[in-house]
Amino acid sequence: EKENFSKAQDEKKIQDLAKMLSSMKVDELGVILKNFPDDVVQIVYDKASNKDRVKILKALGPDRGSDLLLKMAESSRTKKMGK
C-alpha cells in the first residue's frame, strides 16, 4: 500500500513539474531542460499536452529533440514487438 501511495505521489509530482514547465517560455525552458537527463525529459514529455510537447521539442533544439523522438519511437517499437 505504501508503494502505491509513493507511486501516486511521484505521479502527482511529475504532473506538477510538467505543468510548471509548460508555463515557461521556450528559451527559459531550454535552459532548464538542458540539465535534465533524457529519461526525465521523456517522462515530462509524455505527461505534457500536444501544445506543450511542441514547446518542449523547440526548447530541446533540433539535435536533442530528434534524438529524444528517435529513442521514444524505438522504445515504442520494441514494446510492440515484445507483445
Protein backbone atom coordinates (compact mmCIF):
# COMPACT_ATOMS: atom_id res chain seq x y z
CA GLU A 1 0.00 0.00 0.00
CA LYS A 2 2.90 2.35 0.78
CA GLU A 3 4.32 1.61 -2.67
CA ASN A 4 1.04 2.59 -4.36
CA PHE A 5 0.91 5.79 -2.31
CA SER A 6 4.50 6.56 -3.25
CA LYS A 7 3.75 5.97 -6.94
CA ALA A 8 0.72 8.26 -6.69
CA GLN A 9 2.86 10.94 -5.06
CA ASP A 10 5.51 10.57 -7.77
CA GLU A 11 2.84 10.80 -10.47
CA LYS A 12 1.49 14.00 -8.89
CA LYS A 13 4.98 15.50 -8.70
CA ILE A 14 5.60 14.69 -12.36
CA GLN A 15 2.28 16.23 -13.38
CA ASP A 16 3.06 19.34 -11.32
CA LEU A 17 6.52 19.57 -12.90
CA ALA A 18 5.08 19.23 -16.41
CA LYS A 19 2.51 21.93 -15.66
CA MET A 20 5.14 24.30 -14.24
CA LEU A 21 7.49 23.77 -17.19
CA SER A 22 4.67 24.33 -19.67
CA SER A 23 4.13 27.81 -18.25
CA MET A 24 7.67 28.84 -19.22
CA LYS A 25 8.81 30.45 -22.44
CA VAL A 26 10.73 28.24 -24.86
CA ASP A 27 14.10 29.89 -24.16
CA GLU A 28 13.65 29.59 -20.38
CA LEU A 29 12.53 26.00 -20.74
CA GLY A 30 15.57 25.17 -22.86
CA VAL A 31 17.94 26.40 -20.16
CA ILE A 32 16.30 24.12 -17.61
CA LEU A 33 15.80 21.06 -19.83
CA LYS A 34 19.44 21.01 -20.93
CA ASN A 35 20.29 19.91 -17.38
CA PHE A 36 17.65 17.16 -17.26
CA PRO A 37 18.60 13.61 -18.28
CA ASP A 38 16.73 12.23 -21.29
CA ASP A 39 14.64 9.83 -19.23
CA VAL A 40 13.25 12.70 -17.13
CA VAL A 41 12.58 14.81 -20.23
CA GLN A 42 10.75 11.84 -21.75
CA ILE A 43 8.54 11.45 -18.67
CA VAL A 44 7.68 15.16 -18.70
CA TYR A 45 7.07 14.98 -22.47
CA ASP A 46 4.73 12.02 -22.01
CA LYS A 47 2.68 13.95 -19.43
CA ALA A 48 2.52 17.15 -21.50
CA SER A 49 -0.29 18.26 -23.79
CA ASN A 50 0.36 18.26 -27.55
CA LYS A 51 0.90 22.03 -27.48
CA ASP A 52 3.41 21.70 -24.66
CA ARG A 53 5.15 18.80 -26.39
CA VAL A 54 5.90 21.12 -29.30
CA LYS A 55 7.28 23.67 -26.85
CA ILE A 56 9.47 21.02 -25.22
CA LEU A 57 10.88 19.91 -28.58
CA LYS A 58 11.61 23.51 -29.57
CA ALA A 59 13.31 24.09 -26.22
CA LEU A 60 15.49 21.00 -26.66
CA GLY A 61 16.74 22.13 -30.04
CA PRO A 62 16.84 20.09 -33.25
CA ASP A 63 19.59 17.62 -32.30
CA ARG A 64 18.44 16.63 -28.83
CA GLY A 65 14.77 16.83 -29.82
CA SER A 66 15.23 14.44 -32.72
CA ASP A 67 17.38 12.11 -30.59
CA LEU A 68 14.65 12.00 -27.96
CA LEU A 69 11.93 11.29 -30.53
CA LEU A 70 14.01 8.50 -32.06
CA LYS A 71 14.56 6.93 -28.63
CA MET A 72 10.84 7.09 -27.88
CA ALA A 73 9.96 5.60 -31.27
CA GLU A 74 12.46 2.79 -30.78
CA SER A 75 11.15 2.13 -27.28
CA SER A 76 7.58 2.03 -28.56
CA ARG A 77 8.50 -0.33 -31.39
CA THR A 78 10.38 -2.62 -29.00
CA LYS A 79 7.39 -2.77 -26.64
CA LYS A 80 5.04 -3.64 -29.53
CA MET A 81 7.34 -6.39 -30.75
CA GLY A 82 7.55 -7.83 -27.23
CA LYS A 83 3.78 -8.30 -27.01
